[in-house]
Amino acid sequence: MQRPPGVGQTLGLIGLLFVVFLLIDGGFAVLVQGGVEVSASTVLLARLIFGWSLVLFVAKRLVRTEWREAFLLVPSRIWPSVAGLLIGLGVSLAILSLITWMPFPPPESAVRASEQLRATNQTSLAIAMLLVGPVAEEMFFRGLVFRAWNQRYGMSAAFVGSTLLFAILHVFSWQIIVALPLGLFLAWTVLKTGSVFPAILGHIGANTAPRLIDPILAVAGYTDSQIEMMDRVPLWITCIGFTALLFGAIFTSHSIRFR
């Protein structure tokens, strides 16, 4: 990386991302006022595609190097990639199941957002959550920012800084509870493997985990009505999450170190 971006340039890129998000939201709001029906997932997908495409292009120009070098798009061996997937699944499953045992309900805004996404077009939602979002966010936060800040400010600052910036994108939802520990673990996978691909798979795993809870309960013998009426996810699912995280960490710890 010829010109690793510092704090100012990184914050500027994130600011650019939010500006694009606001412009896209405004454009779709005009369409809705004009009578055009637009699903929440379509808006989300458009934000991710156009916002991140611009930010990654500008970031690549700033560092003045090839895409592979700028975002650590280095092929990874199979086991580190499996490890990244297990870490993402494990962190998300464990935390999301534990959240249901909290003594207070989730914020109404988070509930409304969740209901909106359940009722929206699931194909575009899946593309946004399982492809565009994980690839773009990991290229930026772990492939670019974590590595650049490691070079400029040291490892501790890189871990904390890249994770906090990653959490900023999720600050308006309960996803931030998963984003903080997930960001640390995914940065660690990049540190150990020298590739952003295990982190991408980990991010995909984390976004997939919420969709796996109901099927896991169904396989365990719970009926649809029992699952629908369930206020708290059984703690044995939390154990599955921590087990996946443990195996992912073991596999990652035996990977080659960051270059």
C-alpha atoms as a PDB file:
ATOM      1  CA  MET A   1       0.000   0.000   0.000  1.00  0.00           C
ATOM      2  CA  GLN A   2       1.758   3.162  -1.216  1.00  0.00           C
ATOM      3  CA  ARG A   3      -0.268   5.782   0.694  1.00  0.00           C
ATOM      4  CA  PRO A   4      -2.115   4.250   3.657  1.00  0.00           C
ATOM      5  CA  PRO A   5      -5.011   6.577   4.565  1.00  0.00           C
ATOM      6  CA  GLY A   6      -4.986   8.206   7.984  1.00  0.00           C
ATOM      7  CA  VAL A   7      -7.833   9.171  10.283  1.00  0.00           C
ATOM      8  CA  GLY A   8      -8.842  12.278   8.336  1.00  0.00           C
ATOM      9  CA  GLN A   9      -9.054  10.571   4.954  1.00  0.00           C
ATOM     10  CA  THR A  10     -10.870   7.576   6.442  1.00  0.00           C
ATOM     11  CA  LEU A  11     -13.490   9.757   8.138  1.00  0.00           C
ATOM     12  CA  GLY A  12     -13.866  11.698   4.904  1.00  0.00           C
ATOM     13  CA  LEU A  13     -14.608   8.480   3.015  1.00  0.00           C
ATOM     14  CA  ILE A  14     -17.211   7.441   5.601  1.00  0.00           C
ATOM     15  CA  GLY A  15     -18.729  10.913   5.407  1.00  0.00           C
ATOM     16  CA  LEU A  16     -18.936  10.541   1.628  1.00  0.00           C
ATOM     17  CA  LEU A  17     -20.726   7.227   2.111  1.00  0.00           C
ATOM     18  CA  PHE A  18     -23.358   8.810   4.374  1.00  0.00           C
ATOM     19  CA  VAL A  19     -23.863  11.682   1.913  1.00  0.00           C
ATOM     20  CA  VAL A  20     -24.555   9.200  -0.893  1.00  0.00           C
ATOM     21  CA  PHE A  21     -26.924   7.278   1.396  1.00  0.00           C
ATOM     22  CA  LEU A  22     -28.858  10.482   2.136  1.00  0.00           C
ATOM     23  CA  LEU A  23     -29.046  11.418  -1.538  1.00  0.00           C
ATOM     24  CA  ILE A  24     -30.364   7.975  -2.451  1.00  0.00           C
ATOM     25  CA  ASP A  25     -32.912   8.075   0.372  1.00  0.00           C
ATOM     26  CA  GLY A  26     -34.047  11.485  -0.827  1.00  0.00           C
ATOM     27  CA  GLY A  27     -34.376  10.292  -4.405  1.00  0.00           C
ATOM     28  CA  PHE A  28     -36.496   7.312  -3.418  1.00  0.00           C
ATOM     29  CA  ALA A  29     -38.615   9.534  -1.152  1.00  0.00           C
ATOM     30  CA  VAL A  30     -39.443  11.678  -4.178  1.00  0.00           C
ATOM     31  CA  LEU A  31     -40.427   8.559  -6.130  1.00  0.00           C
ATOM     32  CA  VAL A  32     -42.683   7.378  -3.306  1.00  0.00           C
ATOM     33  CA  GLN A  33     -44.364  10.775  -3.134  1.00  0.00           C
ATOM     34  CA  GLY A  34     -44.957  10.470  -6.860  1.00  0.00           C
ATOM     35  CA  GLY A  35     -46.829   7.214  -6.346  1.00  0.00           C
ATOM     36  CA  VAL A  36     -44.046   4.753  -7.147  1.00  0.00           C
ATOM     37  CA  GLU A  37     -43.927   1.733  -4.838  1.00  0.00           C
ATOM     38  CA  VAL A  38     -40.409   1.066  -3.570  1.00  0.00           C
ATOM     39  CA  SER A  39     -39.550  -1.722  -1.150  1.00  0.00           C
ATOM     40  CA  ALA A  40     -37.259  -1.192   1.820  1.00  0.00           C
ATOM     41  CA  SER A  41     -34.849  -3.814   0.487  1.00  0.00           C
ATOM     42  CA  THR A  42     -34.605  -2.033  -2.878  1.00  0.00           C
ATOM     43  CA  VAL A  43     -33.596   1.182  -1.115  1.00  0.00           C
ATOM     44  CA  LEU A  44     -31.067  -0.726   1.010  1.00  0.00           C
ATOM     45  CA  LEU A  45     -29.551  -2.470  -2.015  1.00  0.00           C
ATOM     46  CA  ALA A  46     -29.278   0.787  -3.961  1.00  0.00           C
ATOM     47  CA  ARG A  47     -27.584   2.500  -1.013  1.00  0.00           C
ATOM     48  CA  LEU A  48     -25.020  -0.264  -0.684  1.00  0.00           C
ATOM     49  CA  ILE A  49     -24.255  -0.594  -4.388  1.00  0.00           C
ATOM     50  CA  PHE A  50     -23.912   3.090  -5.265  1.00  0.00           C
ATOM     51  CA  GLY A  51     -22.545   4.278  -1.930  1.00  0.00           C
ATOM     52  CA  TRP A  52     -19.840   1.662  -1.556  1.00  0.00           C
ATOM     53  CA  SER A  53     -18.901   1.636  -5.250  1.00  0.00           C
ATOM     54  CA  LEU A  54     -18.075   5.339  -5.063  1.00  0.00           C
ATOM     55  CA  VAL A  55     -16.255   5.081  -1.732  1.00  0.00           C
ATOM     56  CA  LEU A  56     -14.118   2.108  -2.798  1.00  0.00           C
ATOM     57  CA  PHE A  57     -13.246   3.791  -6.094  1.00  0.00           C
ATOM     58  CA  VAL A  58     -12.175   6.997  -4.312  1.00  0.00           C
ATOM     59  CA  ALA A  59     -10.234   4.987  -1.710  1.00  0.00           C
ATOM     60  CA  LYS A  60      -8.409   3.079  -4.430  1.00  0.00           C
ATOM     61  CA  ARG A  61      -7.413   6.372  -6.048  1.00  0.00           C
ATOM     62  CA  LEU A  62      -6.154   7.700  -2.712  1.00  0.00           C
ATOM     63  CA  VAL A  63      -3.819   4.777  -2.033  1.00  0.00           C
ATOM     64  CA  ARG A  64      -2.563   4.795  -5.649  1.00  0.00           C
ATOM     65  CA  THR A  65      -2.253   1.058  -6.093  1.00  0.00           C
ATOM     66  CA  GLU A  66      -4.081  -1.871  -7.657  1.00  0.00           C
ATOM     67  CA  TRP A  67      -7.367  -3.224  -6.302  1.00  0.00           C
ATOM     68  CA  ARG A  68      -5.731  -6.429  -5.111  1.00  0.00           C
ATOM     69  CA  GLU A  69      -3.152  -4.529  -3.086  1.00  0.00           C
ATOM     70  CA  ALA A  70      -5.459  -1.747  -1.919  1.00  0.00           C
ATOM     71  CA  PHE A  71      -8.046  -4.061  -0.369  1.00  0.00           C
ATOM     72  CA  LEU A  72      -6.007  -7.180   0.381  1.00  0.00           C
ATOM     73  CA  LEU A  73      -7.822  -9.291  -2.205  1.00  0.00           C
ATOM     74  CA  VAL A  74      -5.353 -12.141  -1.740  1.00  0.00           C
ATOM     75  CA  PRO A  75      -6.556 -15.741  -2.219  1.00  0.00           C
ATOM     76  CA  SER A  76      -6.995 -17.617   1.043  1.00  0.00           C
ATOM     77  CA  ARG A  77      -6.598 -21.309   1.828  1.00  0.00           C
ATOM     78  CA  ILE A  78      -9.748 -23.328   2.515  1.00  0.00           C
ATOM     79  CA  TRP A  79      -9.421 -23.746   6.303  1.00  0.00           C
ATOM     80  CA  PRO A  80      -8.901 -20.061   7.104  1.00  0.00           C
ATOM     81  CA  SER A  81     -11.970 -19.321   4.980  1.00  0.00           C
ATOM     82  CA  VAL A  82     -14.024 -21.952   6.815  1.00  0.00           C
ATOM     83  CA  ALA A  83     -12.722 -20.502  10.074  1.00  0.00           C
ATOM     84  CA  GLY A  84     -13.902 -17.024   9.140  1.00  0.00           C
ATOM     85  CA  LEU A  85     -17.364 -18.360   8.316  1.00  0.00           C
ATOM     86  CA  LEU A  86     -17.561 -20.203  11.654  1.00  0.00           C
ATOM     87  CA  ILE A  87     -16.471 -17.106  13.573  1.00  0.00           C
ATOM     88  CA  GLY A  88     -19.149 -14.942  11.953  1.00  0.00           C
ATOM     89  CA  LEU A  89     -21.873 -17.530  12.495  1.00  0.00           C
ATOM     90  CA  GLY A  90     -20.759 -18.154  16.062  1.00  0.00           C
ATOM     91  CA  VAL A  91     -20.561 -14.532  17.174  1.00  0.00           C
ATOM     92  CA  SER A  92     -23.934 -13.672  15.681  1.00  0.00           C
ATOM     93  CA  LEU A  93     -25.766 -16.789  16.915  1.00  0.00           C
ATOM     94  CA  ALA A  94     -24.414 -16.463  20.447  1.00  0.00           C
ATOM     95  CA  ILE A  95     -25.148 -12.761  20.848  1.00  0.00           C
ATOM     96  CA  LEU A  96     -28.541 -12.714  19.121  1.00  0.00           C
ATOM     97  CA  SER A  97     -29.773 -15.598  21.259  1.00  0.00           C
ATOM     98  CA  LEU A  98     -28.460 -14.003  24.466  1.00  0.00           C
ATOM     99  CA  ILE A  99     -30.198 -10.714  23.617  1.00  0.00           C
ATOM    100  CA  THR A 100     -33.573 -12.430  23.965  1.00  0.00           C
ATOM    101  CA  TRP A 101     -32.777 -13.065  27.650  1.00  0.00           C
ATOM    102  CA  MET A 102     -32.325  -9.381  28.437  1.00  0.00           C
ATOM    103  CA  PRO A 103     -34.863  -8.043  30.995  1.00  0.00           C
ATOM    104  CA  PHE A 104     -36.054  -5.252  28.696  1.00  0.00           C
ATOM    105  CA  PRO A 105     -37.603  -5.309  25.192  1.00  0.00           C
ATOM    106  CA  PRO A 106     -35.783  -4.075  22.075  1.00  0.00           C
ATOM    107  CA  PRO A 107     -36.390  -0.468  20.967  1.00  0.00           C
ATOM    108  CA  GLU A 108     -39.540   0.082  18.919  1.00  0.00           C
ATOM    109  CA  SER A 109     -37.462   1.512  16.059  1.00  0.00           C
ATOM    110  CA  ALA A 110     -35.496  -1.746  15.835  1.00  0.00           C
ATOM    111  CA  VAL A 111     -38.713  -3.780  15.898  1.00  0.00           C
ATOM    112  CA  ARG A 112     -40.269  -1.669  13.123  1.00  0.00           C
ATOM    113  CA  ALA A 113     -37.144  -1.929  10.980  1.00  0.00           C
ATOM    114  CA  SER A 114     -37.096  -5.705  11.447  1.00  0.00           C
ATOM    115  CA  GLU A 115     -40.771  -5.998  10.499  1.00  0.00           C
ATOM    116  CA  GLN A 116     -40.210  -3.845   7.405  1.00  0.00           C
ATOM    117  CA  LEU A 117     -37.396  -6.068   6.209  1.00  0.00           C
ATOM    118  CA  ARG A 118     -39.420  -9.255   6.828  1.00  0.00           C
ATOM    119  CA  ALA A 119     -42.233  -7.890   4.651  1.00  0.00           C
ATOM    120  CA  THR A 120     -40.008  -6.628   1.836  1.00  0.00           C
ATOM    121  CA  ASN A 121     -38.598  -8.302  -1.274  1.00  0.00           C
ATOM    122  CA  GLN A 122     -36.421 -11.096   0.069  1.00  0.00           C
ATOM    123  CA  THR A 123     -34.327 -11.540  -3.072  1.00  0.00           C
ATOM    124  CA  SER A 124     -32.960  -7.992  -3.077  1.00  0.00           C
ATOM    125  CA  LEU A 125     -32.593  -8.183   0.714  1.00  0.00           C
ATOM    126  CA  ALA A 126     -30.498 -11.340   0.417  1.00  0.00           C
ATOM    127  CA  ILE A 127     -28.287  -9.755  -2.256  1.00  0.00           C
ATOM    128  CA  ALA A 128     -27.761  -6.718  -0.039  1.00  0.00           C
ATOM    129  CA  MET A 129     -27.135  -8.592   3.228  1.00  0.00           C
ATOM    130  CA  LEU A 130     -25.279 -11.659   1.962  1.00  0.00           C
ATOM    131  CA  LEU A 131     -23.264 -10.281  -0.949  1.00  0.00           C
ATOM    132  CA  VAL A 132     -22.937  -6.530  -1.487  1.00  0.00           C
ATOM    133  CA  GLY A 133     -22.763  -5.476   2.167  1.00  0.00           C
ATOM    134  CA  PRO A 134     -20.243  -8.084   3.378  1.00  0.00           C
ATOM    135  CA  VAL A 135     -17.934  -7.736   0.365  1.00  0.00           C
ATOM    136  CA  ALA A 136     -17.878  -3.930   0.319  1.00  0.00           C
ATOM    137  CA  GLU A 137     -17.665  -3.414   4.088  1.00  0.00           C
ATOM    138  CA  GLU A 138     -14.885  -5.949   4.558  1.00  0.00           C
ATOM    139  CA  MET A 139     -12.885  -4.582   1.639  1.00  0.00           C
ATOM    140  CA  PHE A 140     -13.053  -1.153   3.266  1.00  0.00           C
ATOM    141  CA  PHE A 141     -12.838  -1.778   7.017  1.00  0.00           C
ATOM    142  CA  ARG A 142     -10.557  -4.817   7.143  1.00  0.00           C
ATOM    143  CA  GLY A 143      -8.874  -4.854   3.727  1.00  0.00           C
ATOM    144  CA  LEU A 144      -8.065  -1.128   3.705  1.00  0.00           C
ATOM    145  CA  VAL A 145      -8.576   0.661   7.047  1.00  0.00           C
ATOM    146  CA  PHE A 146      -7.338  -2.025   9.448  1.00  0.00           C
ATOM    147  CA  ARG A 147      -4.186  -2.682   7.458  1.00  0.00           C
ATOM    148  CA  ALA A 148      -3.505   1.021   6.778  1.00  0.00           C
ATOM    149  CA  TRP A 149      -3.950   1.994  10.429  1.00  0.00           C
ATOM    150  CA  ASN A 150      -1.780  -0.936  11.493  1.00  0.00           C
ATOM    151  CA  GLN A 151       1.000   0.530   9.357  1.00  0.00           C
ATOM    152  CA  ARG A 152       0.480   4.118  10.513  1.00  0.00           C
ATOM    153  CA  TYR A 153      -0.613   3.889  14.150  1.00  0.00           C
ATOM    154  CA  GLY A 154       0.109   0.355  15.356  1.00  0.00           C
ATOM    155  CA  MET A 155      -1.900  -2.789  15.915  1.00  0.00           C
ATOM    156  CA  SER A 156      -3.969  -1.668  18.937  1.00  0.00           C
ATOM    157  CA  ALA A 157      -5.151   1.507  17.217  1.00  0.00           C
ATOM    158  CA  ALA A 158      -5.953  -0.490  14.088  1.00  0.00           C
ATOM    159  CA  PHE A 159      -8.077  -3.013  16.001  1.00  0.00           C
ATOM    160  CA  VAL A 160      -9.985  -0.422  18.006  1.00  0.00           C
ATOM    161  CA  GLY A 161     -10.306   2.202  15.296  1.00  0.00           C
ATOM    162  CA  SER A 162     -11.472  -0.047  12.465  1.00  0.00           C
ATOM    163  CA  THR A 163     -13.945  -1.803  14.761  1.00  0.00           C
ATOM    164  CA  LEU A 164     -15.460   1.442  16.078  1.00  0.00           C
ATOM    165  CA  LEU A 165     -15.835   2.820  12.560  1.00  0.00           C
ATOM    166  CA  PHE A 166     -17.475  -0.440  11.478  1.00  0.00           C
ATOM    167  CA  ALA A 167     -19.896  -0.133  14.408  1.00  0.00           C
ATOM    168  CA  ILE A 168     -20.837   3.425  13.377  1.00  0.00           C
ATOM    169  CA  LEU A 169     -22.630   2.005  10.334  1.00  0.00           C
ATOM    170  CA  HIS A 170     -24.815  -0.070  12.651  1.00  0.00           C
ATOM    171  CA  VAL A 171     -25.333   2.461  15.428  1.00  0.00           C
ATOM    172  CA  PHE A 172     -29.045   2.964  14.716  1.00  0.00           C
ATOM    173  CA  SER A 173     -29.981  -0.675  15.207  1.00  0.00           C
ATOM    174  CA  TRP A 174     -29.310  -3.570  17.539  1.00  0.00           C
ATOM    175  CA  GLN A 175     -26.788  -4.804  14.985  1.00  0.00           C
ATOM    176  CA  ILE A 176     -24.190  -2.729  16.820  1.00  0.00           C
ATOM    177  CA  ILE A 177     -24.231  -5.322  19.614  1.00  0.00           C
ATOM    178  CA  VAL A 178     -22.978  -7.880  17.096  1.00  0.00           C
ATOM    179  CA  ALA A 179     -20.861  -5.431  15.071  1.00  0.00           C
ATOM    180  CA  LEU A 180     -18.448  -4.554  17.888  1.00  0.00           C
ATOM    181  CA  PRO A 181     -17.199  -8.072  18.761  1.00  0.00           C
ATOM    182  CA  LEU A 182     -17.571  -9.206  15.153  1.00  0.00           C
ATOM    183  CA  GLY A 183     -15.331  -6.376  13.946  1.00  0.00           C
ATOM    184  CA  LEU A 184     -12.587  -7.390  16.377  1.00  0.00           C
ATOM    185  CA  PHE A 185     -12.721 -11.061  15.389  1.00  0.00           C
ATOM    186  CA  LEU A 186     -12.768 -10.294  11.652  1.00  0.00           C
ATOM    187  CA  ALA A 187      -9.791  -7.959  11.994  1.00  0.00           C
ATOM    188  CA  TRP A 188      -8.016 -10.812  13.762  1.00  0.00           C
ATOM    189  CA  THR A 189      -8.729 -13.179  10.855  1.00  0.00           C
ATOM    190  CA  VAL A 190      -7.159 -10.670   8.458  1.00  0.00           C
ATOM    191  CA  LEU A 191      -4.188 -10.269  10.781  1.00  0.00           C
ATOM    192  CA  LYS A 192      -3.637 -14.034  10.861  1.00  0.00           C
ATOM    193  CA  THR A 193      -4.385 -14.912   7.235  1.00  0.00           C
ATOM    194  CA  GLY A 194      -3.195 -11.906   5.229  1.00  0.00           C
ATOM    195  CA  SER A 195      -6.407 -12.000   3.191  1.00  0.00           C
ATOM    196  CA  VAL A 196      -9.753 -10.208   3.349  1.00  0.00           C
ATOM    197  CA  PHE A 197     -11.700 -13.230   2.055  1.00  0.00           C
ATOM    198  CA  PRO A 198     -12.051 -15.046   5.421  1.00  0.00           C
ATOM    199  CA  ALA A 199     -13.431 -11.791   6.856  1.00  0.00           C
ATOM    200  CA  ILE A 200     -15.933 -11.540   3.994  1.00  0.00           C
ATOM    201  CA  LEU A 201     -17.117 -15.082   4.690  1.00  0.00           C
ATOM    202  CA  GLY A 202     -17.313 -14.264   8.402  1.00  0.00           C
ATOM    203  CA  HIS A 203     -19.485 -11.247   7.648  1.00  0.00           C
ATOM    204  CA  ILE A 204     -21.732 -13.372   5.431  1.00  0.00           C
ATOM    205  CA  GLY A 205     -21.993 -15.913   8.249  1.00  0.00           C
ATOM    206  CA  ALA A 206     -22.948 -13.232  10.748  1.00  0.00           C
ATOM    207  CA  ASN A 207     -25.687 -11.904   8.450  1.00  0.00           C
ATOM    208  CA  THR A 208     -26.938 -15.444   7.801  1.00  0.00           C
ATOM    209  CA  ALA A 209     -27.177 -16.422  11.482  1.00  0.00           C
ATOM    210  CA  PRO A 210     -30.511 -14.670  12.243  1.00  0.00           C
ATOM    211  CA  ARG A 211     -32.133 -16.665   9.432  1.00  0.00           C
ATOM    212  CA  LEU A 212     -30.823 -19.947  10.867  1.00  0.00           C
ATOM    213  CA  ILE A 213     -32.397 -19.751  14.327  1.00  0.00           C
ATOM    214  CA  ASP A 214     -35.917 -20.776  13.273  1.00  0.00           C
ATOM    215  CA  PRO A 215     -34.726 -23.693  11.056  1.00  0.00           C
ATOM    216  CA  ILE A 216     -32.493 -24.936  13.905  1.00  0.00           C
ATOM    217  CA  LEU A 217     -35.450 -24.861  16.288  1.00  0.00           C
ATOM    218  CA  ALA A 218     -37.607 -26.662  13.710  1.00  0.00           C
ATOM    219  CA  VAL A 219     -34.999 -29.416  13.303  1.00  0.00           C
ATOM    220  CA  ALA A 220     -34.920 -29.730  17.102  1.00  0.00           C
ATOM    221  CA  GLY A 221     -38.638 -30.534  17.085  1.00  0.00           C
ATOM    222  CA  TYR A 222     -40.291 -27.179  17.800  1.00  0.00           C
ATOM    223  CA  THR A 223     -43.514 -26.496  15.891  1.00  0.00           C
ATOM    224  CA  ASP A 224     -44.158 -23.295  13.955  1.00  0.00           C
ATOM    225  CA  SER A 225     -46.612 -22.092  16.593  1.00  0.00           C
ATOM    226  CA  GLN A 226     -44.124 -22.769  19.389  1.00  0.00           C
ATOM    227  CA  ILE A 227     -41.407 -20.862  17.556  1.00  0.00           C
ATOM    228  CA  GLU A 228     -43.750 -17.941  16.880  1.00  0.00           C
ATOM    229  CA  MET A 229     -44.767 -17.692  20.544  1.00  0.00           C
ATOM    230  CA  MET A 230     -41.209 -18.058  21.842  1.00  0.00           C
ATOM    231  CA  ASP A 231     -39.939 -14.991  23.710  1.00  0.00           C
ATOM    232  CA  ARG A 232     -36.484 -16.356  24.459  1.00  0.00           C
ATOM    233  CA  VAL A 233     -34.196 -18.417  22.276  1.00  0.00           C
ATOM    234  CA  PRO A 234     -33.036 -21.567  24.121  1.00  0.00           C
ATOM    235  CA  LEU A 235     -29.577 -21.256  25.610  1.00  0.00           C
ATOM    236  CA  TRP A 236     -28.387 -24.370  23.820  1.00  0.00           C
ATOM    237  CA  ILE A 237     -28.397 -22.281  20.616  1.00  0.00           C
ATOM    238  CA  THR A 238     -26.062 -19.882  22.421  1.00  0.00           C
ATOM    239  CA  CYS A 239     -23.826 -22.886  23.111  1.00  0.00           C
ATOM    240  CA  ILE A 240     -23.860 -23.777  19.401  1.00  0.00           C
ATOM    241  CA  GLY A 241     -22.763 -20.236  18.631  1.00  0.00           C
ATOM    242  CA  PHE A 242     -19.890 -20.269  21.103  1.00  0.00           C
ATOM    243  CA  THR A 243     -18.810 -23.715  19.855  1.00  0.00           C
ATOM    244  CA  ALA A 244     -18.683 -22.470  16.247  1.00  0.00           C
ATOM    245  CA  LEU A 245     -16.726 -19.426  17.410  1.00  0.00           C
ATOM    246  CA  LEU A 246     -14.260 -21.615  19.321  1.00  0.00           C
ATOM    247  CA  PHE A 247     -13.556 -23.897  16.358  1.00  0.00           C
ATOM    248  CA  GLY A 248     -13.253 -20.895  14.060  1.00  0.00           C
ATOM    249  CA  ALA A 249     -10.726 -19.310  16.408  1.00  0.00           C
ATOM    250  CA  ILE A 250      -8.715 -22.551  16.608  1.00  0.00           C
ATOM    251  CA  PHE A 251      -8.589 -22.894  12.812  1.00  0.00           C
ATOM    252  CA  THR A 252      -7.637 -19.224  12.416  1.00  0.00           C
ATOM    253  CA  SER A 253      -4.890 -19.396  15.038  1.00  0.00           C
ATOM    254  CA  HIS A 254      -3.073 -21.968  12.888  1.00  0.00           C
ATOM    255  CA  SER A 255      -3.142 -19.771   9.770  1.00  0.00           C
ATOM    256  CA  ILE A 256      -0.218 -17.842   8.364  1.00  0.00           C
ATOM    257  CA  ARG A 257       0.386 -14.439   9.904  1.00  0.00           C
ATOM    258  CA  PHE A 258      -0.456 -11.021   8.516  1.00  0.00           C
ATOM    259  CA  ARG A 259       1.971  -9.693   5.922  1.00  0.00           C
END
